[in-house]
N, C-alpha and C. Protein backbone atom coordinates (compact mmCIF):
# COMPACT_ATOMS: atom_id res chain seq x y z
N MET A 1 34.02 30.85 -16.30
CA MET A 1 33.63 31.85 -15.32
C MET A 1 34.23 31.48 -13.96
N ALA A 2 34.92 32.39 -13.35
CA ALA A 2 35.56 32.14 -12.06
C ALA A 2 34.55 32.31 -10.94
N PHE A 3 34.65 31.44 -9.95
CA PHE A 3 33.77 31.51 -8.79
C PHE A 3 34.25 32.60 -7.86
N LYS A 4 33.34 33.49 -7.46
CA LYS A 4 33.68 34.56 -6.54
C LYS A 4 32.66 34.57 -5.42
N MET A 5 33.14 34.53 -4.19
CA MET A 5 32.27 34.50 -3.03
C MET A 5 31.77 35.91 -2.73
N ALA A 6 30.50 36.04 -2.41
CA ALA A 6 29.93 37.34 -2.04
C ALA A 6 30.55 37.81 -0.73
N LYS A 7 30.86 39.12 -0.64
CA LYS A 7 31.53 39.66 0.54
C LYS A 7 30.73 39.49 1.83
N GLY A 8 29.41 39.51 1.72
CA GLY A 8 28.58 39.42 2.90
C GLY A 8 28.14 38.01 3.25
N SER A 9 28.59 37.00 2.51
CA SER A 9 28.16 35.63 2.80
C SER A 9 28.82 35.15 4.09
N LEU A 10 28.19 34.15 4.70
CA LEU A 10 28.69 33.62 5.97
C LEU A 10 30.13 33.12 5.84
N PHE A 11 30.42 32.39 4.77
CA PHE A 11 31.77 31.84 4.62
C PHE A 11 32.80 32.92 4.32
N ALA A 12 32.42 33.97 3.61
CA ALA A 12 33.34 35.08 3.37
C ALA A 12 33.66 35.80 4.68
N ILE A 13 32.64 35.97 5.51
CA ILE A 13 32.85 36.61 6.82
C ILE A 13 33.75 35.73 7.68
N LEU A 14 33.52 34.42 7.67
CA LEU A 14 34.35 33.51 8.46
C LEU A 14 35.79 33.46 7.96
N LEU A 15 36.01 33.63 6.67
CA LEU A 15 37.38 33.68 6.15
C LEU A 15 38.15 34.89 6.67
N ARG A 16 37.42 35.98 6.92
CA ARG A 16 38.06 37.20 7.43
C ARG A 16 38.15 37.21 8.96
N SER A 17 37.48 36.27 9.61
CA SER A 17 37.46 36.21 11.08
C SER A 17 38.57 35.29 11.59
N LYS A 18 38.68 35.21 12.90
CA LYS A 18 39.63 34.28 13.51
C LYS A 18 39.26 32.86 13.13
N TRP A 19 40.23 32.01 12.92
CA TRP A 19 40.01 30.65 12.43
C TRP A 19 39.13 29.82 13.36
N TRP A 20 39.27 30.06 14.65
CA TRP A 20 38.55 29.22 15.59
C TRP A 20 37.05 29.51 15.62
N TYR A 21 36.60 30.65 15.07
CA TYR A 21 35.16 30.90 14.96
C TYR A 21 34.50 29.82 14.10
N SER A 22 35.11 29.52 12.97
CA SER A 22 34.55 28.51 12.07
C SER A 22 34.52 27.14 12.73
N VAL A 23 35.61 26.81 13.41
CA VAL A 23 35.68 25.51 14.07
C VAL A 23 34.63 25.44 15.18
N LEU A 24 34.46 26.51 15.94
CA LEU A 24 33.47 26.55 17.01
C LEU A 24 32.05 26.39 16.46
N ILE A 25 31.75 27.07 15.37
CA ILE A 25 30.43 26.94 14.74
C ILE A 25 30.23 25.51 14.24
N GLY A 26 31.25 24.94 13.63
CA GLY A 26 31.17 23.56 13.16
C GLY A 26 30.93 22.58 14.30
N LEU A 27 31.64 22.76 15.41
CA LEU A 27 31.44 21.89 16.57
C LEU A 27 30.04 22.05 17.17
N PHE A 28 29.57 23.28 17.21
CA PHE A 28 28.22 23.54 17.73
C PHE A 28 27.17 22.86 16.86
N ILE A 29 27.27 23.01 15.56
CA ILE A 29 26.31 22.39 14.64
C ILE A 29 26.39 20.87 14.74
N LEU A 30 27.59 20.34 14.83
CA LEU A 30 27.77 18.90 14.96
C LEU A 30 27.12 18.39 16.24
N GLY A 31 27.42 19.05 17.34
CA GLY A 31 26.83 18.63 18.63
C GLY A 31 25.32 18.74 18.63
N ALA A 32 24.80 19.85 18.11
CA ALA A 32 23.35 20.05 18.08
C ALA A 32 22.67 19.02 17.20
N SER A 33 23.24 18.75 16.04
CA SER A 33 22.61 17.78 15.14
C SER A 33 22.67 16.36 15.70
N LEU A 34 23.75 16.02 16.39
CA LEU A 34 23.83 14.70 17.02
C LEU A 34 22.82 14.56 18.16
N LEU A 35 22.62 15.66 18.91
CA LEU A 35 21.63 15.63 19.99
C LEU A 35 20.21 15.52 19.45
N ILE A 36 19.92 16.30 18.43
CA ILE A 36 18.56 16.32 17.87
C ILE A 36 18.20 14.99 17.25
N THR A 37 19.13 14.37 16.57
CA THR A 37 18.83 13.11 15.86
C THR A 37 19.21 11.87 16.66
N ASP A 38 19.56 12.01 17.91
CA ASP A 38 20.01 10.90 18.75
C ASP A 38 21.14 10.11 18.09
N ALA A 39 22.01 10.81 17.40
CA ALA A 39 23.20 10.24 16.73
C ALA A 39 22.85 9.18 15.69
N LYS A 40 21.66 9.27 15.11
CA LYS A 40 21.27 8.32 14.07
C LYS A 40 21.86 8.68 12.71
N TYR A 41 22.12 9.95 12.51
CA TYR A 41 22.62 10.41 11.21
C TYR A 41 24.00 11.04 11.37
N VAL A 42 24.93 10.26 11.88
CA VAL A 42 26.29 10.75 12.16
C VAL A 42 26.97 11.23 10.88
N VAL A 43 26.88 10.45 9.82
CA VAL A 43 27.54 10.81 8.56
C VAL A 43 26.98 12.11 8.00
N LEU A 44 25.65 12.26 8.06
CA LEU A 44 25.03 13.50 7.59
C LEU A 44 25.44 14.69 8.45
N SER A 45 25.49 14.48 9.77
CA SER A 45 25.89 15.55 10.69
C SER A 45 27.31 16.00 10.41
N ILE A 46 28.19 15.05 10.19
CA ILE A 46 29.59 15.38 9.92
C ILE A 46 29.72 16.09 8.58
N SER A 47 28.99 15.60 7.56
CA SER A 47 29.11 16.21 6.24
C SER A 47 28.57 17.65 6.21
N VAL A 48 27.59 17.95 7.05
CA VAL A 48 27.06 19.32 7.12
C VAL A 48 28.10 20.27 7.73
N THR A 49 28.91 19.77 8.64
CA THR A 49 29.88 20.63 9.31
C THR A 49 31.23 20.71 8.59
N LEU A 50 31.48 19.87 7.61
CA LEU A 50 32.76 19.88 6.90
C LEU A 50 33.13 21.24 6.30
N PRO A 51 32.19 21.97 5.68
CA PRO A 51 32.59 23.29 5.15
C PRO A 51 33.11 24.24 6.23
N PHE A 52 32.55 24.17 7.44
CA PHE A 52 33.02 25.04 8.52
C PHE A 52 34.43 24.67 8.95
N PHE A 53 34.71 23.36 9.02
CA PHE A 53 36.05 22.92 9.38
C PHE A 53 37.06 23.24 8.27
N ALA A 54 36.63 23.14 7.02
CA ALA A 54 37.51 23.48 5.89
C ALA A 54 37.83 24.97 5.90
N ILE A 55 36.82 25.80 6.10
CA ILE A 55 37.05 27.26 6.18
C ILE A 55 37.95 27.58 7.36
N GLY A 56 37.71 26.93 8.50
CA GLY A 56 38.57 27.15 9.68
C GLY A 56 40.01 26.76 9.42
N GLY A 57 40.21 25.63 8.74
CA GLY A 57 41.57 25.20 8.41
C GLY A 57 42.27 26.15 7.47
N TYR A 58 41.54 26.61 6.45
CA TYR A 58 42.13 27.54 5.49
C TYR A 58 42.43 28.89 6.15
N ALA A 59 41.50 29.37 6.98
CA ALA A 59 41.73 30.64 7.70
C ALA A 59 42.92 30.52 8.64
N ALA A 60 43.06 29.36 9.31
CA ALA A 60 44.20 29.15 10.21
C ALA A 60 45.51 29.17 9.42
N PHE A 61 45.52 28.51 8.27
CA PHE A 61 46.71 28.49 7.42
C PHE A 61 47.12 29.91 7.04
N LYS A 62 46.14 30.72 6.61
CA LYS A 62 46.44 32.11 6.23
C LYS A 62 46.89 32.93 7.42
N GLN A 63 46.23 32.76 8.57
CA GLN A 63 46.53 33.59 9.74
C GLN A 63 47.87 33.24 10.37
N PHE A 64 48.28 31.99 10.33
CA PHE A 64 49.57 31.62 10.91
C PHE A 64 50.73 32.09 10.05
N LYS A 65 50.47 32.41 8.78
CA LYS A 65 51.51 32.95 7.92
C LYS A 65 51.70 34.45 8.14
N GLU A 66 50.71 35.11 8.74
CA GLU A 66 50.78 36.56 8.97
C GLU A 66 51.67 36.85 10.18
N PRO A 67 52.26 38.05 10.20
CA PRO A 67 53.09 38.42 11.35
C PRO A 67 52.24 38.59 12.62
N SER A 68 52.86 38.38 13.77
CA SER A 68 52.15 38.52 15.04
C SER A 68 51.95 39.99 15.39
N GLN A 69 51.08 40.24 16.36
CA GLN A 69 50.83 41.62 16.80
C GLN A 69 52.11 42.27 17.32
N LYS A 70 52.93 41.49 18.02
CA LYS A 70 54.19 42.00 18.55
C LYS A 70 55.11 42.44 17.41
N GLN A 71 55.19 41.63 16.36
CA GLN A 71 56.02 41.98 15.21
C GLN A 71 55.48 43.24 14.53
N ILE A 72 54.16 43.33 14.41
CA ILE A 72 53.54 44.49 13.75
C ILE A 72 53.85 45.76 14.53
N LEU A 73 53.70 45.73 15.85
CA LEU A 73 54.01 46.91 16.67
C LEU A 73 55.48 47.29 16.57
N HIS A 74 56.35 46.29 16.55
CA HIS A 74 57.79 46.55 16.42
C HIS A 74 58.09 47.23 15.07
N VAL A 75 57.49 46.74 14.01
CA VAL A 75 57.71 47.31 12.68
C VAL A 75 57.17 48.74 12.61
N ILE A 76 56.02 48.99 13.20
CA ILE A 76 55.44 50.34 13.19
C ILE A 76 56.37 51.31 13.92
N GLN A 77 56.87 50.90 15.09
CA GLN A 77 57.80 51.77 15.84
C GLN A 77 59.07 52.01 15.04
N GLN A 78 59.56 50.97 14.41
CA GLN A 78 60.77 51.08 13.60
C GLN A 78 60.53 52.00 12.40
N ALA A 79 59.38 51.83 11.75
CA ALA A 79 59.06 52.61 10.56
C ALA A 79 58.88 54.09 10.87
N LYS A 80 58.30 54.40 12.00
CA LYS A 80 58.07 55.81 12.36
C LYS A 80 59.38 56.56 12.57
N LYS A 81 60.46 55.84 12.84
CA LYS A 81 61.77 56.46 13.03
C LYS A 81 62.54 56.62 11.72
N MET A 82 62.06 55.97 10.66
CA MET A 82 62.78 55.96 9.39
C MET A 82 62.23 57.02 8.43
N PRO A 83 63.09 57.59 7.59
CA PRO A 83 62.59 58.48 6.54
C PRO A 83 61.88 57.67 5.44
N ALA A 84 61.05 58.36 4.68
CA ALA A 84 60.25 57.70 3.63
C ALA A 84 61.11 56.97 2.61
N GLY A 85 62.23 57.54 2.25
CA GLY A 85 63.11 56.92 1.26
C GLY A 85 63.66 55.57 1.72
N ASP A 86 64.01 55.49 2.99
CA ASP A 86 64.55 54.23 3.53
C ASP A 86 63.47 53.14 3.55
N ILE A 87 62.26 53.53 3.89
CA ILE A 87 61.16 52.55 3.90
C ILE A 87 60.87 52.09 2.48
N ALA A 88 60.87 53.01 1.55
CA ALA A 88 60.64 52.64 0.15
C ALA A 88 61.68 51.64 -0.32
N GLU A 89 62.94 51.85 0.05
CA GLU A 89 64.01 50.93 -0.33
C GLU A 89 63.83 49.56 0.35
N LYS A 90 63.36 49.56 1.58
CA LYS A 90 63.14 48.31 2.31
C LYS A 90 62.01 47.50 1.64
N ILE A 91 60.97 48.19 1.21
CA ILE A 91 59.86 47.53 0.51
C ILE A 91 60.36 47.03 -0.85
N ALA A 92 61.12 47.88 -1.54
CA ALA A 92 61.63 47.52 -2.87
C ALA A 92 62.54 46.30 -2.83
N ALA A 93 63.23 46.10 -1.71
CA ALA A 93 64.13 44.95 -1.59
C ALA A 93 63.39 43.63 -1.81
N ASN A 94 62.14 43.55 -1.36
CA ASN A 94 61.33 42.35 -1.58
C ASN A 94 61.05 42.14 -3.06
N TYR A 95 60.79 43.22 -3.77
CA TYR A 95 60.52 43.12 -5.20
C TYR A 95 61.79 42.79 -5.97
N ILE A 96 62.90 43.37 -5.55
CA ILE A 96 64.19 43.08 -6.20
C ILE A 96 64.54 41.60 -6.05
N LYS A 97 64.25 41.03 -4.87
CA LYS A 97 64.47 39.60 -4.65
C LYS A 97 63.66 38.75 -5.62
N ASN A 98 62.54 39.29 -6.07
CA ASN A 98 61.65 38.55 -6.97
C ASN A 98 61.84 38.95 -8.43
N GLY A 99 62.96 39.56 -8.76
CA GLY A 99 63.29 39.82 -10.15
C GLY A 99 62.95 41.21 -10.66
N TYR A 100 62.51 42.10 -9.82
CA TYR A 100 62.21 43.46 -10.24
C TYR A 100 63.48 44.31 -10.20
N GLU A 101 63.49 45.36 -10.99
CA GLU A 101 64.55 46.37 -10.92
C GLU A 101 63.94 47.62 -10.31
N SER A 102 64.72 48.31 -9.50
CA SER A 102 64.22 49.50 -8.81
C SER A 102 65.03 50.71 -9.21
N ILE A 103 64.31 51.77 -9.63
CA ILE A 103 64.97 53.05 -9.92
C ILE A 103 64.14 54.16 -9.28
N ALA A 104 64.82 55.25 -8.97
CA ALA A 104 64.12 56.40 -8.39
C ALA A 104 63.17 56.98 -9.43
N PHE A 105 61.98 57.34 -8.98
CA PHE A 105 60.99 57.93 -9.89
C PHE A 105 61.26 59.41 -10.02
N LYS A 106 61.31 59.87 -11.25
CA LYS A 106 61.61 61.28 -11.52
C LYS A 106 60.30 62.05 -11.70
N GLY A 107 59.57 62.17 -10.64
CA GLY A 107 58.31 62.89 -10.68
C GLY A 107 57.82 63.14 -9.28
N ASN A 108 56.62 63.67 -9.19
CA ASN A 108 56.09 64.08 -7.90
C ASN A 108 55.20 63.04 -7.25
N GLY A 109 54.61 62.14 -7.99
CA GLY A 109 53.59 61.25 -7.44
C GLY A 109 54.08 60.00 -6.76
N ALA A 110 55.35 59.62 -6.97
CA ALA A 110 55.86 58.36 -6.43
C ALA A 110 57.32 58.51 -6.03
N ASP A 111 57.83 57.50 -5.35
CA ASP A 111 59.23 57.49 -4.93
C ASP A 111 60.08 56.58 -5.80
N LEU A 112 59.55 55.38 -6.06
CA LEU A 112 60.31 54.39 -6.81
C LEU A 112 59.49 53.81 -7.95
N GLU A 113 60.21 53.37 -8.97
CA GLU A 113 59.61 52.68 -10.10
C GLU A 113 60.20 51.27 -10.10
N LEU A 114 59.35 50.28 -9.95
CA LEU A 114 59.78 48.89 -9.92
C LEU A 114 59.35 48.24 -11.23
N THR A 115 60.31 47.69 -11.97
CA THR A 115 59.99 47.10 -13.27
C THR A 115 60.45 45.66 -13.34
N GLN A 116 59.64 44.86 -14.04
CA GLN A 116 59.97 43.47 -14.33
C GLN A 116 59.33 43.16 -15.68
N GLY A 117 60.14 43.09 -16.71
CA GLY A 117 59.63 42.89 -18.06
C GLY A 117 58.73 44.07 -18.45
N SER A 118 57.50 43.77 -18.83
CA SER A 118 56.58 44.84 -19.22
C SER A 118 55.78 45.38 -18.03
N ARG A 119 55.98 44.80 -16.87
CA ARG A 119 55.25 45.24 -15.67
C ARG A 119 56.01 46.39 -15.02
N LYS A 120 55.31 47.48 -14.76
CA LYS A 120 55.90 48.65 -14.11
C LYS A 120 55.01 49.06 -12.95
N VAL A 121 55.57 49.08 -11.74
CA VAL A 121 54.81 49.39 -10.53
C VAL A 121 55.43 50.63 -9.90
N LEU A 122 54.57 51.60 -9.56
CA LEU A 122 55.03 52.80 -8.86
C LEU A 122 54.77 52.65 -7.37
N LEU A 123 55.76 53.01 -6.57
CA LEU A 123 55.66 52.94 -5.11
C LEU A 123 55.71 54.34 -4.53
N CYS A 124 54.73 54.67 -3.70
CA CYS A 124 54.69 55.97 -3.04
C CYS A 124 54.70 55.77 -1.53
N SER A 125 55.68 56.37 -0.87
CA SER A 125 55.74 56.29 0.59
C SER A 125 55.96 57.68 1.21
N LYS A 126 55.72 58.72 0.44
CA LYS A 126 56.03 60.08 0.88
C LYS A 126 55.23 60.51 2.11
N ARG A 127 53.95 60.12 2.18
CA ARG A 127 53.11 60.59 3.27
C ARG A 127 52.70 59.45 4.20
N PHE A 128 53.59 58.48 4.38
CA PHE A 128 53.21 57.29 5.14
C PHE A 128 52.95 57.57 6.62
N LYS A 129 53.51 58.65 7.17
CA LYS A 129 53.31 58.97 8.58
C LYS A 129 52.06 59.81 8.83
N ALA A 130 51.36 60.19 7.77
CA ALA A 130 50.15 61.02 7.92
C ALA A 130 49.09 60.27 8.71
N ALA A 131 48.41 60.98 9.60
CA ALA A 131 47.37 60.36 10.43
C ALA A 131 46.18 59.92 9.59
N ASN A 132 45.85 60.71 8.57
CA ASN A 132 44.72 60.39 7.68
C ASN A 132 45.16 60.55 6.24
N THR A 133 44.72 59.63 5.40
CA THR A 133 45.01 59.69 3.98
C THR A 133 43.71 59.85 3.23
N GLY A 134 43.66 60.89 2.42
CA GLY A 134 42.50 61.12 1.57
C GLY A 134 42.77 60.65 0.16
N ILE A 135 41.96 61.13 -0.74
CA ILE A 135 42.02 60.66 -2.12
C ILE A 135 43.09 61.38 -2.96
N GLU A 136 43.48 62.58 -2.56
CA GLU A 136 44.39 63.40 -3.37
C GLU A 136 45.75 62.75 -3.64
N PRO A 137 46.47 62.19 -2.63
CA PRO A 137 47.76 61.57 -2.95
C PRO A 137 47.61 60.35 -3.87
N LEU A 138 46.47 59.66 -3.78
CA LEU A 138 46.24 58.52 -4.65
C LEU A 138 45.99 58.98 -6.09
N LYS A 139 45.28 60.09 -6.24
CA LYS A 139 45.06 60.65 -7.58
C LYS A 139 46.38 61.09 -8.19
N LEU A 140 47.23 61.68 -7.38
CA LEU A 140 48.55 62.11 -7.83
C LEU A 140 49.39 60.90 -8.28
N LEU A 141 49.31 59.80 -7.52
CA LEU A 141 50.03 58.57 -7.87
C LEU A 141 49.54 57.99 -9.19
N VAL A 142 48.23 57.95 -9.38
CA VAL A 142 47.66 57.41 -10.63
C VAL A 142 48.02 58.31 -11.81
N ALA A 143 47.98 59.63 -11.61
CA ALA A 143 48.34 60.56 -12.69
C ALA A 143 49.80 60.36 -13.09
N ALA A 144 50.67 60.19 -12.09
CA ALA A 144 52.09 59.94 -12.38
C ALA A 144 52.26 58.61 -13.11
N GLY A 145 51.46 57.62 -12.71
CA GLY A 145 51.53 56.31 -13.34
C GLY A 145 51.05 56.32 -14.78
N GLU A 146 50.03 57.12 -15.07
CA GLU A 146 49.52 57.22 -16.44
C GLU A 146 50.58 57.84 -17.35
N GLU A 147 51.31 58.82 -16.84
CA GLU A 147 52.38 59.44 -17.63
C GLU A 147 53.54 58.47 -17.85
N ALA A 148 53.83 57.65 -16.81
CA ALA A 148 54.98 56.74 -16.89
C ALA A 148 54.63 55.38 -17.50
N GLY A 149 53.35 55.14 -17.74
CA GLY A 149 52.93 53.85 -18.29
C GLY A 149 52.94 52.74 -17.28
N ALA A 150 52.59 53.05 -16.02
CA ALA A 150 52.59 52.06 -14.95
C ALA A 150 51.44 51.07 -15.11
N THR A 151 51.71 49.83 -14.69
CA THR A 151 50.67 48.79 -14.71
C THR A 151 50.16 48.48 -13.32
N GLY A 152 50.80 49.03 -12.29
CA GLY A 152 50.38 48.79 -10.91
C GLY A 152 50.88 49.89 -9.99
N TYR A 153 50.28 49.94 -8.81
CA TYR A 153 50.60 51.00 -7.85
C TYR A 153 50.69 50.42 -6.44
N LEU A 154 51.61 50.95 -5.64
CA LEU A 154 51.73 50.62 -4.23
C LEU A 154 51.71 51.92 -3.46
N TYR A 155 50.88 51.99 -2.42
CA TYR A 155 50.81 53.20 -1.61
C TYR A 155 50.93 52.80 -0.15
N LEU A 156 51.93 53.36 0.55
CA LEU A 156 52.17 53.05 1.95
C LEU A 156 51.49 54.07 2.83
N ALA A 157 50.71 53.59 3.81
CA ALA A 157 50.02 54.47 4.76
C ALA A 157 49.91 53.75 6.10
N LEU A 158 50.42 54.37 7.15
CA LEU A 158 50.30 53.79 8.49
C LEU A 158 49.07 54.31 9.22
N GLY A 159 48.53 55.44 8.78
CA GLY A 159 47.35 56.02 9.43
C GLY A 159 46.06 55.52 8.81
N GLU A 160 45.00 56.21 9.14
CA GLU A 160 43.67 55.87 8.61
C GLU A 160 43.56 56.26 7.14
N ILE A 161 42.83 55.47 6.38
CA ILE A 161 42.57 55.76 4.97
C ILE A 161 41.08 55.97 4.82
N SER A 162 40.70 57.10 4.24
CA SER A 162 39.28 57.41 4.12
C SER A 162 38.56 56.41 3.21
N ALA A 163 37.25 56.35 3.37
CA ALA A 163 36.45 55.42 2.57
C ALA A 163 36.53 55.77 1.09
N THR A 164 36.52 57.06 0.76
CA THR A 164 36.61 57.45 -0.65
C THR A 164 37.97 57.08 -1.24
N ALA A 165 39.02 57.20 -0.42
CA ALA A 165 40.36 56.82 -0.88
C ALA A 165 40.43 55.31 -1.09
N ARG A 166 39.80 54.53 -0.21
CA ARG A 166 39.77 53.07 -0.37
C ARG A 166 39.03 52.68 -1.65
N ASP A 167 37.91 53.34 -1.91
CA ASP A 167 37.14 53.07 -3.13
C ASP A 167 37.97 53.41 -4.37
N PHE A 168 38.64 54.56 -4.32
CA PHE A 168 39.48 54.98 -5.44
C PHE A 168 40.61 53.98 -5.67
N ALA A 169 41.22 53.51 -4.57
CA ALA A 169 42.31 52.54 -4.67
C ALA A 169 41.82 51.23 -5.28
N GLU A 170 40.64 50.81 -4.89
CA GLU A 170 40.10 49.56 -5.42
C GLU A 170 39.79 49.68 -6.91
N LYS A 171 39.26 50.81 -7.33
CA LYS A 171 38.91 51.02 -8.74
C LYS A 171 40.14 51.14 -9.63
N ASN A 172 41.25 51.63 -9.05
CA ASN A 172 42.46 51.87 -9.84
C ASN A 172 43.57 50.86 -9.55
N ASP A 173 43.24 49.75 -8.92
CA ASP A 173 44.20 48.69 -8.61
C ASP A 173 45.44 49.19 -7.88
N ILE A 174 45.20 49.99 -6.85
CA ILE A 174 46.29 50.47 -6.00
C ILE A 174 46.34 49.56 -4.78
N GLU A 175 47.50 48.93 -4.55
CA GLU A 175 47.66 48.13 -3.34
C GLU A 175 48.01 49.06 -2.19
N LEU A 176 47.15 49.09 -1.18
CA LEU A 176 47.40 49.91 0.00
C LEU A 176 48.22 49.08 0.99
N ILE A 177 49.43 49.51 1.24
CA ILE A 177 50.30 48.81 2.17
C ILE A 177 50.09 49.42 3.54
N GLN A 178 49.50 48.63 4.42
CA GLN A 178 49.30 49.09 5.79
C GLN A 178 50.07 48.18 6.74
N THR A 179 49.75 48.20 8.01
CA THR A 179 50.61 47.61 9.04
C THR A 179 50.94 46.13 8.82
N ILE A 180 49.94 45.28 8.57
CA ILE A 180 50.22 43.84 8.43
C ILE A 180 51.09 43.57 7.21
N ARG A 181 50.73 44.19 6.10
CA ARG A 181 51.51 43.99 4.87
C ARG A 181 52.92 44.57 5.03
N LEU A 182 53.03 45.72 5.69
CA LEU A 182 54.34 46.32 5.91
C LEU A 182 55.22 45.41 6.77
N ALA A 183 54.64 44.80 7.80
CA ALA A 183 55.41 43.90 8.66
C ALA A 183 55.91 42.70 7.86
N SER A 184 55.08 42.15 6.98
CA SER A 184 55.54 41.01 6.18
C SER A 184 56.58 41.44 5.15
N LEU A 185 56.49 42.68 4.66
CA LEU A 185 57.51 43.19 3.74
C LEU A 185 58.84 43.44 4.48
N PHE A 186 58.75 43.91 5.72
CA PHE A 186 59.96 44.17 6.50
C PHE A 186 60.70 42.88 6.83
N ASP A 187 59.99 41.81 7.13
CA ASP A 187 60.69 40.57 7.46
C ASP A 187 61.03 39.74 6.22
N GLY A 188 60.67 40.23 5.03
CA GLY A 188 61.06 39.57 3.79
C GLY A 188 60.24 38.34 3.44
N LYS A 189 59.10 38.13 4.09
CA LYS A 189 58.28 36.94 3.85
C LYS A 189 57.03 37.25 3.04
N ALA A 190 56.95 38.44 2.50
CA ALA A 190 55.75 38.84 1.76
C ALA A 190 55.70 38.16 0.41
N LYS A 191 54.49 37.79 0.00
CA LYS A 191 54.29 37.20 -1.32
C LYS A 191 54.18 38.34 -2.33
N ILE A 192 55.03 38.30 -3.35
CA ILE A 192 55.04 39.33 -4.39
C ILE A 192 54.46 38.72 -5.66
N ASP A 193 53.42 39.37 -6.20
CA ASP A 193 52.80 38.88 -7.44
C ASP A 193 53.54 39.38 -8.65
């Protein structure tokens, strides 16, 4: 059985927060415990704060690998000037580097079909400039994928994505590519599974 952290737990929240929040909480607990115990239980005080420092270190590692706000804004401005087909090709280049083959999708729900062995991923970037994305384009992508035998889906959206669309994407294993992920795909440093 794999260990899975609850989304609302303190450590899960700290993993999604800035790294220094965890370190600050750890330092506060360390200082408070040393004051309360007159520094008699230094080892115990340090051991209580270790999980906060570990979470802070892991969060820092993840956050320093992400693109900066400046890079994200630059990519968004660049992307808004590009047609959907060019962006799809730019995203596909990362997959091609990792052994995928890219062909144009002959249907309405997606732009590209990325294949690697038995894995087939459909990429849709047709409505990436839309201010709001609802559930309908995602349903169209999944329907196209069912006909083509897709094992995964990528959907590019720079605008807001509705809660129902997010739920649908999560249930159907659709990776929603938004600003941070798009910036890492543009600079070629994105991790491809």
